[in-house]
Protein backbone atom coordinates (compact mmCIF):
# COMPACT_ATOMS: atom_id res chain seq x y z
CA UNK A 1 -120.70 -122.74 -69.72
CA UNK A 2 -121.23 -126.45 -70.16
CA UNK A 3 -117.54 -126.74 -71.12
CA UNK A 4 -116.49 -125.65 -67.61
CA UNK A 5 -118.00 -128.66 -65.85
CA UNK A 6 -115.53 -131.23 -67.23
CA UNK A 7 -112.61 -128.87 -66.58
CA UNK A 8 -113.64 -128.32 -62.96
CA UNK A 9 -114.43 -131.98 -62.30
CA UNK A 10 -111.12 -133.18 -63.78
CA UNK A 11 -109.08 -131.05 -61.38
CA UNK A 12 -110.67 -132.32 -58.15
CA UNK A 13 -108.24 -134.22 -55.98
CA UNK A 14 -109.64 -136.59 -53.39
CA UNK A 15 -107.38 -137.03 -50.36
CA UNK A 16 -106.56 -140.65 -49.63
CA UNK A 17 -105.49 -140.05 -46.02
CA UNK A 18 -107.68 -141.93 -43.56
CA UNK A 19 -107.02 -140.96 -39.94
CA UNK A 20 -106.22 -143.77 -37.56
CA UNK A 21 -108.42 -144.41 -34.55
CA UNK A 22 -105.80 -142.93 -32.21
CA UNK A 23 -105.67 -139.68 -34.16
CA UNK A 24 -109.45 -139.54 -34.19
CA UNK A 25 -109.60 -140.03 -30.42
CA UNK A 26 -107.01 -137.31 -29.85
CA UNK A 27 -108.94 -135.00 -32.14
CA UNK A 28 -112.11 -135.64 -30.16
CA UNK A 29 -110.28 -134.99 -26.87
CA UNK A 30 -108.77 -131.78 -28.22
CA UNK A 31 -112.15 -130.63 -29.50
CA UNK A 32 -113.75 -131.34 -26.11
CA UNK A 33 -111.08 -129.43 -24.22
CA UNK A 34 -111.38 -126.49 -26.61
CA UNK A 35 -115.15 -126.52 -26.19
CA UNK A 36 -114.84 -126.64 -22.39
CA UNK A 37 -112.34 -123.80 -22.49
CA UNK A 38 -114.72 -121.70 -24.55
CA UNK A 39 -117.86 -122.50 -22.57
CA UNK A 40 -116.45 -122.26 -19.05
CA UNK A 41 -116.28 -118.42 -18.91
CA UNK A 42 -119.80 -118.22 -20.37
CA UNK A 43 -121.09 -120.67 -17.76
CA UNK A 44 -119.42 -118.75 -14.92
CA UNK A 45 -120.89 -115.47 -16.15
CA UNK A 46 -124.36 -117.04 -16.45
CA UNK A 47 -124.16 -118.36 -12.88
CA UNK A 48 -122.98 -114.99 -11.58
CA UNK A 49 -125.75 -113.11 -13.39
CA UNK A 50 -128.35 -115.60 -12.17
CA UNK A 51 -127.09 -115.17 -8.58
CA UNK A 52 -127.33 -111.36 -8.87
CA UNK A 53 -130.82 -111.61 -10.37
CA UNK A 54 -132.06 -113.97 -7.64
CA UNK A 55 -130.48 -111.84 -4.90
CA UNK A 56 -132.18 -108.70 -6.26
CA UNK A 57 -135.45 -110.56 -6.60
CA UNK A 58 -135.46 -111.97 -3.06
CA UNK A 59 -133.89 -109.13 -1.06
């Protein structure tokens, strides 16, 4: 088993690509828009359920 460690560690390739600041900013923007797109239906449903709950509670 100890012979596998050098074999595994010799085959690891480290990527040398470093993203530029512009690519990083675009990635952050894309991540934000994806997150908004995923959370918006959940937020609308939560507001609708809260409104129904409050209406049933008060009336």
